[in-house]
C-alpha atoms as a PDB file:
ATOM      1  CA  UNK A   1      -6.079  67.002 -65.458  1.00  0.00           C
ATOM      2  CA  UNK A   2      -8.933  68.801 -63.733  1.00  0.00           C
ATOM      3  CA  UNK A   3      -8.299  70.238 -60.292  1.00  0.00           C
ATOM      4  CA  UNK A   4     -10.351  69.393 -57.210  1.00  0.00           C
ATOM      5  CA  UNK A   5     -12.208  72.717 -57.399  1.00  0.00           C
ATOM      6  CA  UNK A   6     -12.963  72.251 -61.113  1.00  0.00           C
ATOM      7  CA  UNK A   7     -14.361  68.781 -60.441  1.00  0.00           C
ATOM      8  CA  UNK A   8     -16.436  70.097 -57.542  1.00  0.00           C
ATOM      9  CA  UNK A   9     -17.907  72.794 -59.775  1.00  0.00           C
ATOM     10  CA  UNK A  10     -18.729  70.208 -62.427  1.00  0.00           C
ATOM     11  CA  UNK A  11     -20.326  67.895 -59.872  1.00  0.00           C
ATOM     12  CA  UNK A  12     -22.549  70.718 -58.652  1.00  0.00           C
ATOM     13  CA  UNK A  13     -23.620  71.716 -62.177  1.00  0.00           C
ATOM     14  CA  UNK A  14     -25.132  68.406 -63.270  1.00  0.00           C
ATOM     15  CA  UNK A  15     -28.964  68.135 -63.059  1.00  0.00           C
ATOM     16  CA  UNK A  16     -30.027  65.303 -60.756  1.00  0.00           C
ATOM     17  CA  UNK A  17     -33.772  64.961 -61.456  1.00  0.00           C
ATOM     18  CA  UNK A  18     -34.994  61.509 -62.429  1.00  0.00           C
ATOM     19  CA  UNK A  19     -33.129  58.200 -62.506  1.00  0.00           C
ATOM     20  CA  UNK A  20     -31.218  58.588 -65.749  1.00  0.00           C
ATOM     21  CA  UNK A  21     -27.614  57.659 -64.947  1.00  0.00           C
ATOM     22  CA  UNK A  22     -26.208  58.112 -68.468  1.00  0.00           C
ATOM     23  CA  UNK A  23     -24.063  61.077 -67.328  1.00  0.00           C
ATOM     24  CA  UNK A  24     -21.885  58.622 -65.387  1.00  0.00           C
ATOM     25  CA  UNK A  25     -20.588  56.922 -68.556  1.00  0.00           C
ATOM     26  CA  UNK A  26     -16.792  57.092 -68.349  1.00  0.00           C
ATOM     27  CA  UNK A  27     -16.993  58.545 -64.814  1.00  0.00           C
ATOM     28  CA  UNK A  28     -18.302  55.549 -62.848  1.00  0.00           C
ATOM     29  CA  UNK A  29     -19.297  51.933 -63.431  1.00  0.00           C
ATOM     30  CA  UNK A  30     -21.819  49.678 -61.702  1.00  0.00           C
ATOM     31  CA  UNK A  31     -22.142  45.942 -62.109  1.00  0.00           C
ATOM     32  CA  UNK A  32     -25.703  44.877 -62.900  1.00  0.00           C
ATOM     33  CA  UNK A  33     -27.654  42.100 -61.164  1.00  0.00           C
ATOM     34  CA  UNK A  34     -27.745  38.835 -63.081  1.00  0.00           C
ATOM     35  CA  UNK A  35     -31.548  38.566 -63.123  1.00  0.00           C
ATOM     36  CA  UNK A  36     -32.158  41.548 -65.456  1.00  0.00           C
ATOM     37  CA  UNK A  37     -34.941  43.479 -63.746  1.00  0.00           C
ATOM     38  CA  UNK A  38     -35.934  45.544 -66.806  1.00  0.00           C
ATOM     39  CA  UNK A  39     -36.315  42.378 -68.868  1.00  0.00           C
ATOM     40  CA  UNK A  40     -38.359  40.700 -66.137  1.00  0.00           C
ATOM     41  CA  UNK A  41     -40.856  43.526 -65.795  1.00  0.00           C
ATOM     42  CA  UNK A  42     -41.129  43.798 -69.566  1.00  0.00           C
ATOM     43  CA  UNK A  43     -42.168  40.149 -69.702  1.00  0.00           C
ATOM     44  CA  UNK A  44     -44.636  40.521 -66.830  1.00  0.00           C
ATOM     45  CA  UNK A  45     -46.141  43.752 -68.164  1.00  0.00           C
ATOM     46  CA  UNK A  46     -46.841  42.065 -71.507  1.00  0.00           C
ATOM     47  CA  UNK A  47     -49.002  39.513 -69.668  1.00  0.00           C
ATOM     48  CA  UNK A  48     -50.723  41.926 -67.257  1.00  0.00           C
ATOM     49  CA  UNK A  49     -54.046  43.734 -67.589  1.00  0.00           C
ATOM     50  CA  UNK A  50     -53.772  46.327 -64.779  1.00  0.00           C
ATOM     51  CA  UNK A  51     -50.299  47.233 -63.545  1.00  0.00           C
ATOM     52  CA  UNK A  52     -48.750  49.678 -61.078  1.00  0.00           C
ATOM     53  CA  UNK A  53     -45.154  50.858 -60.692  1.00  0.00           C
ATOM     54  CA  UNK A  54     -44.463  52.209 -57.201  1.00  0.00           C
ATOM     55  CA  UNK A  55     -41.942  55.051 -56.683  1.00  0.00           C
ATOM     56  CA  UNK A  56     -41.218  55.167 -60.407  1.00  0.00           C
ATOM     57  CA  UNK A  57     -38.702  58.035 -60.224  1.00  0.00           C
ATOM     58  CA  UNK A  58     -38.638  59.630 -63.659  1.00  0.00           C
ATOM     59  CA  UNK A  59     -40.242  56.558 -65.219  1.00  0.00           C
ATOM     60  CA  UNK A  60     -36.981  55.546 -66.911  1.00  0.00           C
ATOM     61  CA  UNK A  61     -37.193  51.802 -66.296  1.00  0.00           C
ATOM     62  CA  UNK A  62     -40.940  51.507 -66.776  1.00  0.00           C
ATOM     63  CA  UNK A  63     -40.738  53.382 -70.084  1.00  0.00           C
ATOM     64  CA  UNK A  64     -38.466  50.628 -71.431  1.00  0.00           C
ATOM     65  CA  UNK A  65     -41.166  47.935 -71.452  1.00  0.00           C
ATOM     66  CA  UNK A  66     -41.922  46.655 -74.967  1.00  0.00           C
ATOM     67  CA  UNK A  67     -45.684  46.460 -74.442  1.00  0.00           C
ATOM     68  CA  UNK A  68     -47.914  48.165 -71.882  1.00  0.00           C
ATOM     69  CA  UNK A  69     -50.931  46.568 -70.220  1.00  0.00           C
ATOM     70  CA  UNK A  70     -54.428  47.952 -70.740  1.00  0.00           C
ATOM     71  CA  UNK A  71     -54.114  50.012 -67.535  1.00  0.00           C
ATOM     72  CA  UNK A  72     -50.688  51.332 -66.510  1.00  0.00           C
ATOM     73  CA  UNK A  73     -50.279  53.566 -63.466  1.00  0.00           C
ATOM     74  CA  UNK A  74     -47.272  54.763 -61.497  1.00  0.00           C
ATOM     75  CA  UNK A  75     -46.703  56.642 -58.251  1.00  0.00           C
ATOM     76  CA  UNK A  76     -43.978  59.180 -57.503  1.00  0.00           C
ATOM     77  CA  UNK A  77     -43.649  61.541 -54.568  1.00  0.00           C
ATOM     78  CA  UNK A  78     -41.171  64.137 -55.843  1.00  0.00           C
ATOM     79  CA  UNK A  79     -42.874  66.590 -58.246  1.00  0.00           C
ATOM     80  CA  UNK A  80     -39.861  67.077 -60.596  1.00  0.00           C
ATOM     81  CA  UNK A  81     -39.599  63.308 -61.042  1.00  0.00           C
ATOM     82  CA  UNK A  82     -43.376  62.978 -61.442  1.00  0.00           C
ATOM     83  CA  UNK A  83     -43.272  65.522 -64.272  1.00  0.00           C
ATOM     84  CA  UNK A  84     -40.497  63.572 -66.036  1.00  0.00           C
ATOM     85  CA  UNK A  85     -42.395  60.320 -65.575  1.00  0.00           C
ATOM     86  CA  UNK A  86     -45.594  61.756 -67.060  1.00  0.00           C
ATOM     87  CA  UNK A  87     -43.672  62.783 -70.162  1.00  0.00           C
ATOM     88  CA  UNK A  88     -41.878  59.451 -70.513  1.00  0.00           C
ATOM     89  CA  UNK A  89     -44.902  57.245 -69.878  1.00  0.00           C
ATOM     90  CA  UNK A  90     -47.386  59.153 -72.042  1.00  0.00           C
ATOM     91  CA  UNK A  91     -46.480  57.180 -75.209  1.00  0.00           C
ATOM     92  CA  UNK A  92     -47.394  53.977 -73.331  1.00  0.00           C
ATOM     93  CA  UNK A  93     -50.677  55.416 -72.085  1.00  0.00           C
ATOM     94  CA  UNK A  94     -49.276  55.448 -68.556  1.00  0.00           C
ATOM     95  CA  UNK A  95     -50.580  57.800 -65.871  1.00  0.00           C
ATOM     96  CA  UNK A  96     -48.634  59.108 -62.869  1.00  0.00           C
ATOM     97  CA  UNK A  97     -50.197  59.763 -59.477  1.00  0.00           C
ATOM     98  CA  UNK A  98     -48.250  61.859 -56.978  1.00  0.00           C
ATOM     99  CA  UNK A  99     -47.935  59.880 -53.742  1.00  0.00           C
ATOM    100  CA  UNK A 100     -45.065  59.727 -51.257  1.00  0.00           C
ATOM    101  CA  UNK A 101     -43.368  56.497 -50.258  1.00  0.00           C
ATOM    102  CA  UNK A 102     -44.999  56.617 -46.804  1.00  0.00           C
ATOM    103  CA  UNK A 103     -48.491  57.519 -48.034  1.00  0.00           C
ATOM    104  CA  UNK A 104     -51.417  55.121 -48.315  1.00  0.00           C
ATOM    105  CA  UNK A 105     -51.783  54.047 -51.932  1.00  0.00           C
ATOM    106  CA  UNK A 106     -54.629  56.041 -53.532  1.00  0.00           C
ATOM    107  CA  UNK A 107     -56.234  53.025 -55.216  1.00  0.00           C
ATOM    108  CA  UNK A 108     -59.123  50.718 -54.295  1.00  0.00           C
ATOM    109  CA  UNK A 109     -58.408  47.252 -52.922  1.00  0.00           C
ATOM    110  CA  UNK A 110     -57.780  44.547 -55.494  1.00  0.00           C
ATOM    111  CA  UNK A 111     -57.092  46.953 -58.365  1.00  0.00           C
ATOM    112  CA  UNK A 112     -53.911  45.502 -59.905  1.00  0.00           C
ATOM    113  CA  UNK A 113     -52.829  42.083 -61.096  1.00  0.00           C
ATOM    114  CA  UNK A 114     -49.193  43.278 -61.198  1.00  0.00           C
ATOM    115  CA  UNK A 115     -47.323  45.685 -58.923  1.00  0.00           C
ATOM    116  CA  UNK A 116     -43.630  46.404 -59.526  1.00  0.00           C
ATOM    117  CA  UNK A 117     -41.050  48.655 -57.908  1.00  0.00           C
ATOM    118  CA  UNK A 118     -37.357  49.280 -58.518  1.00  0.00           C
ATOM    119  CA  UNK A 119     -35.336  50.466 -55.527  1.00  0.00           C
ATOM    120  CA  UNK A 120     -38.241  51.634 -53.360  1.00  0.00           C
ATOM    121  CA  UNK A 121     -37.241  53.831 -50.426  1.00  0.00           C
ATOM    122  CA  UNK A 122     -39.739  51.972 -48.238  1.00  0.00           C
ATOM    123  CA  UNK A 123     -42.194  49.161 -48.841  1.00  0.00           C
ATOM    124  CA  UNK A 124     -45.568  49.258 -47.132  1.00  0.00           C
ATOM    125  CA  UNK A 125     -46.359  45.600 -47.486  1.00  0.00           C
ATOM    126  CA  UNK A 126     -49.961  45.788 -46.190  1.00  0.00           C
ATOM    127  CA  UNK A 127     -50.707  48.439 -48.826  1.00  0.00           C
ATOM    128  CA  UNK A 128     -49.071  46.362 -51.561  1.00  0.00           C
ATOM    129  CA  UNK A 129     -51.171  43.376 -50.523  1.00  0.00           C
ATOM    130  CA  UNK A 130     -54.329  45.491 -50.362  1.00  0.00           C
ATOM    131  CA  UNK A 131     -54.125  46.857 -53.911  1.00  0.00           C
ATOM    132  CA  UNK A 132     -53.178  43.503 -55.449  1.00  0.00           C
ATOM    133  CA  UNK A 133     -56.017  41.491 -56.904  1.00  0.00           C
ATOM    134  CA  UNK A 134     -56.333  37.860 -55.762  1.00  0.00           C
ATOM    135  CA  UNK A 135     -53.685  35.895 -57.656  1.00  0.00           C
ATOM    136  CA  UNK A 136     -51.738  39.113 -58.342  1.00  0.00           C
ATOM    137  CA  UNK A 137     -47.962  39.468 -58.335  1.00  0.00           C
ATOM    138  CA  UNK A 138     -45.505  41.870 -56.703  1.00  0.00           C
ATOM    139  CA  UNK A 139     -42.043  41.994 -58.314  1.00  0.00           C
ATOM    140  CA  UNK A 140     -39.335  44.300 -56.999  1.00  0.00           C
ATOM    141  CA  UNK A 141     -35.596  44.894 -57.137  1.00  0.00           C
ATOM    142  CA  UNK A 142     -34.458  46.482 -53.891  1.00  0.00           C
ATOM    143  CA  UNK A 143     -31.352  47.887 -52.237  1.00  0.00           C
ATOM    144  CA  UNK A 144     -29.969  45.467 -49.657  1.00  0.00           C
ATOM    145  CA  UNK A 145     -28.492  46.056 -46.223  1.00  0.00           C
ATOM    146  CA  UNK A 146     -24.963  47.473 -46.185  1.00  0.00           C
ATOM    147  CA  UNK A 147     -25.135  48.830 -49.736  1.00  0.00           C
ATOM    148  CA  UNK A 148     -22.349  51.341 -50.492  1.00  0.00           C
ATOM    149  CA  UNK A 149     -20.902  50.747 -47.037  1.00  0.00           C
ATOM    150  CA  UNK A 150     -17.362  51.657 -48.125  1.00  0.00           C
ATOM    151  CA  UNK A 151     -18.464  55.032 -49.524  1.00  0.00           C
ATOM    152  CA  UNK A 152     -20.753  55.821 -46.592  1.00  0.00           C
ATOM    153  CA  UNK A 153     -18.086  54.960 -44.025  1.00  0.00           C
ATOM    154  CA  UNK A 154     -15.472  57.026 -45.883  1.00  0.00           C
ATOM    155  CA  UNK A 155     -17.725  60.074 -45.860  1.00  0.00           C
ATOM    156  CA  UNK A 156     -19.369  59.720 -42.436  1.00  0.00           C
ATOM    157  CA  UNK A 157     -17.158  57.381 -40.420  1.00  0.00           C
ATOM    158  CA  UNK A 158     -18.172  53.813 -39.529  1.00  0.00           C
ATOM    159  CA  UNK A 159     -21.954  53.429 -39.551  1.00  0.00           C
ATOM    160  CA  UNK A 160     -24.037  50.583 -38.109  1.00  0.00           C
ATOM    161  CA  UNK A 161     -25.785  48.281 -40.553  1.00  0.00           C
ATOM    162  CA  UNK A 162     -29.375  47.671 -39.560  1.00  0.00           C
ATOM    163  CA  UNK A 163     -31.763  45.040 -40.849  1.00  0.00           C
ATOM    164  CA  UNK A 164     -34.277  47.436 -42.432  1.00  0.00           C
ATOM    165  CA  UNK A 165     -33.130  46.366 -45.906  1.00  0.00           C
ATOM    166  CA  UNK A 166     -32.348  42.743 -45.115  1.00  0.00           C
ATOM    167  CA  UNK A 167     -33.867  40.371 -47.714  1.00  0.00           C
ATOM    168  CA  UNK A 168     -35.083  37.974 -45.037  1.00  0.00           C
ATOM    169  CA  UNK A 169     -36.845  40.808 -43.256  1.00  0.00           C
ATOM    170  CA  UNK A 170     -38.590  41.610 -46.548  1.00  0.00           C
ATOM    171  CA  UNK A 171     -39.678  37.974 -46.745  1.00  0.00           C
ATOM    172  CA  UNK A 172     -41.073  38.075 -43.209  1.00  0.00           C
ATOM    173  CA  UNK A 173     -42.947  41.351 -43.763  1.00  0.00           C
ATOM    174  CA  UNK A 174     -44.398  40.196 -47.079  1.00  0.00           C
ATOM    175  CA  UNK A 175     -45.550  36.967 -45.462  1.00  0.00           C
ATOM    176  CA  UNK A 176     -47.062  38.841 -42.510  1.00  0.00           C
ATOM    177  CA  UNK A 177     -49.067  40.947 -45.016  1.00  0.00           C
ATOM    178  CA  UNK A 178     -50.587  37.788 -46.445  1.00  0.00           C
ATOM    179  CA  UNK A 179     -48.369  37.349 -49.503  1.00  0.00           C
ATOM    180  CA  UNK A 180     -46.492  34.216 -50.542  1.00  0.00           C
ATOM    181  CA  UNK A 181     -42.837  34.831 -51.461  1.00  0.00           C
ATOM    182  CA  UNK A 182     -41.877  32.673 -54.437  1.00  0.00           C
ATOM    183  CA  UNK A 183     -38.459  34.125 -55.316  1.00  0.00           C
ATOM    184  CA  UNK A 184     -35.780  35.874 -53.245  1.00  0.00           C
ATOM    185  CA  UNK A 185     -32.255  36.404 -54.597  1.00  0.00           C
ATOM    186  CA  UNK A 186     -29.428  38.682 -53.447  1.00  0.00           C
ATOM    187  CA  UNK A 187     -26.138  39.799 -55.020  1.00  0.00           C
ATOM    188  CA  UNK A 188     -23.208  42.082 -54.122  1.00  0.00           C
ATOM    189  CA  UNK A 189     -22.148  44.242 -57.084  1.00  0.00           C
ATOM    190  CA  UNK A 190     -18.984  46.245 -57.732  1.00  0.00           C
ATOM    191  CA  UNK A 191     -19.176  50.042 -58.193  1.00  0.00           C
ATOM    192  CA  UNK A 192     -16.212  52.212 -59.210  1.00  0.00           C
ATOM    193  CA  UNK A 193     -15.958  56.027 -59.116  1.00  0.00           C
ATOM    194  CA  UNK A 194     -13.237  57.480 -61.360  1.00  0.00           C
ATOM    195  CA  UNK A 195     -13.299  61.074 -60.114  1.00  0.00           C
ATOM    196  CA  UNK A 196     -14.754  63.186 -57.323  1.00  0.00           C
ATOM    197  CA  UNK A 197     -17.275  64.879 -59.634  1.00  0.00           C
ATOM    198  CA  UNK A 198     -18.949  61.481 -60.112  1.00  0.00           C
ATOM    199  CA  UNK A 199     -19.089  60.979 -56.339  1.00  0.00           C
ATOM    200  CA  UNK A 200     -20.684  64.410 -55.853  1.00  0.00           C
ATOM    201  CA  UNK A 201     -23.314  63.858 -58.540  1.00  0.00           C
ATOM    202  CA  UNK A 202     -24.124  60.435 -57.092  1.00  0.00           C
ATOM    203  CA  UNK A 203     -24.523  61.761 -53.547  1.00  0.00           C
ATOM    204  CA  UNK A 204     -26.704  64.640 -54.787  1.00  0.00           C
ATOM    205  CA  UNK A 205     -28.854  62.234 -56.796  1.00  0.00           C
ATOM    206  CA  UNK A 206     -29.138  59.278 -54.398  1.00  0.00           C
ATOM    207  CA  UNK A 207     -29.840  61.480 -51.413  1.00  0.00           C
ATOM    208  CA  UNK A 208     -30.281  58.777 -48.778  1.00  0.00           C
ATOM    209  CA  UNK A 209     -26.690  57.527 -49.217  1.00  0.00           C
ATOM    210  CA  UNK A 210     -25.254  60.363 -47.103  1.00  0.00           C
ATOM    211  CA  UNK A 211     -28.251  62.138 -45.570  1.00  0.00           C
ATOM    212  CA  UNK A 212     -28.202  65.946 -45.846  1.00  0.00           C
ATOM    213  CA  UNK A 213     -25.115  65.806 -48.067  1.00  0.00           C
ATOM    214  CA  UNK A 214     -23.688  69.119 -49.246  1.00  0.00           C
ATOM    215  CA  UNK A 215     -20.271  69.855 -50.667  1.00  0.00           C
ATOM    216  CA  UNK A 216     -19.627  72.475 -48.005  1.00  0.00           C
ATOM    217  CA  UNK A 217     -20.454  70.099 -45.154  1.00  0.00           C
ATOM    218  CA  UNK A 218     -18.294  67.288 -46.552  1.00  0.00           C
ATOM    219  CA  UNK A 219     -15.547  69.271 -48.317  1.00  0.00           C
ATOM    220  CA  UNK A 220     -12.718  67.827 -46.207  1.00  0.00           C
ATOM    221  CA  UNK A 221     -13.795  64.233 -46.856  1.00  0.00           C
ATOM    222  CA  UNK A 222     -14.340  64.945 -50.552  1.00  0.00           C
ATOM    223  CA  UNK A 223     -10.859  66.410 -50.836  1.00  0.00           C
ATOM    224  CA  UNK A 224      -9.390  63.369 -49.064  1.00  0.00           C
ATOM    225  CA  UNK A 225     -11.257  61.072 -51.441  1.00  0.00           C
ATOM    226  CA  UNK A 226     -10.104  63.093 -54.438  1.00  0.00           C
ATOM    227  CA  UNK A 227      -6.497  62.710 -53.271  1.00  0.00           C
ATOM    228  CA  UNK A 228      -6.965  58.956 -52.812  1.00  0.00           C
ATOM    229  CA  UNK A 229      -8.435  58.525 -56.310  1.00  0.00           C
ATOM    230  CA  UNK A 230      -5.597  60.547 -57.815  1.00  0.00           C
ATOM    231  CA  UNK A 231      -3.045  58.401 -55.974  1.00  0.00           C
ATOM    232  CA  UNK A 232      -4.452  54.878 -56.151  1.00  0.00           C
ATOM    233  CA  UNK A 233      -7.127  54.859 -58.863  1.00  0.00           C
ATOM    234  CA  UNK A 234     -10.912  54.402 -58.810  1.00  0.00           C
ATOM    235  CA  UNK A 235     -12.735  54.280 -55.489  1.00  0.00           C
ATOM    236  CA  UNK A 236     -14.425  50.887 -55.181  1.00  0.00           C
ATOM    237  CA  UNK A 237     -17.563  50.175 -53.194  1.00  0.00           C
ATOM    238  CA  UNK A 238     -20.208  47.434 -53.233  1.00  0.00           C
ATOM    239  CA  UNK A 239     -23.905  47.796 -53.877  1.00  0.00           C
ATOM    240  CA  UNK A 240     -26.259  45.204 -52.428  1.00  0.00           C
ATOM    241  CA  UNK A 241     -29.326  44.239 -54.442  1.00  0.00           C
ATOM    242  CA  UNK A 242     -32.081  41.707 -54.001  1.00  0.00           C
ATOM    243  CA  UNK A 243     -34.998  40.558 -56.109  1.00  0.00           C
ATOM    244  CA  UNK A 244     -38.243  39.606 -54.425  1.00  0.00           C
ATOM    245  CA  UNK A 245     -41.373  38.175 -55.999  1.00  0.00           C
ATOM    246  CA  UNK A 246     -44.538  37.572 -53.996  1.00  0.00           C
ATOM    247  CA  UNK A 247     -48.072  36.523 -54.864  1.00  0.00           C
ATOM    248  CA  UNK A 248     -51.448  37.218 -53.303  1.00  0.00           C
ATOM    249  CA  UNK A 249     -53.392  33.987 -52.836  1.00  0.00           C
ATOM    250  CA  UNK A 250     -56.196  33.509 -55.335  1.00  0.00           C
END
């Protein structure tokens, strides 16, 4: 059985660019939402003419669509991810524009009949509404309030849960931007971590979970978590996800 230090070294050695989570096979599990986001966007993309994927990461999910629309664009703010996305989306004819999550979208008003986004860091609803064409659709799977609370509290101590990621707040902000919300669903999903290396890779990859995470800064908590996993089995936490679909009036 690997020691704590060996697992730490392994966790620090794994590349964390992009949103490919295949390394976690056998190290962690995550229940998937029932609505099947990848399937949904594949269906919508097949019917779209001009589509945009916001904060695409490495383009992993978008690259899975069976058929691309005539125009396919994506935004990504982190250059290493943007480079991965360009490579992945090239076979679909997709183009990647570097733009941060807080930037204005670099597209004219009314450009897209479909805008999608999986796990956006932030949503600028007025910008989404602006770039949608009349009758256009926004479809997004997002992280809900209190996601990974058990892991965050273990690492940082009890943290308040705000409403920034509350599904009903998303509904209100979409409506205020002039969109009509036609679907809003939320689910709590089970996540298990089987060793501390998986926790380290996750916290390095999903950087907003424990802001400014480093192994040195959190070594004591990581060691305590390692001991708990060794004693009682996988560490269990819950992810919160919601699906929101909104339309711009024709």
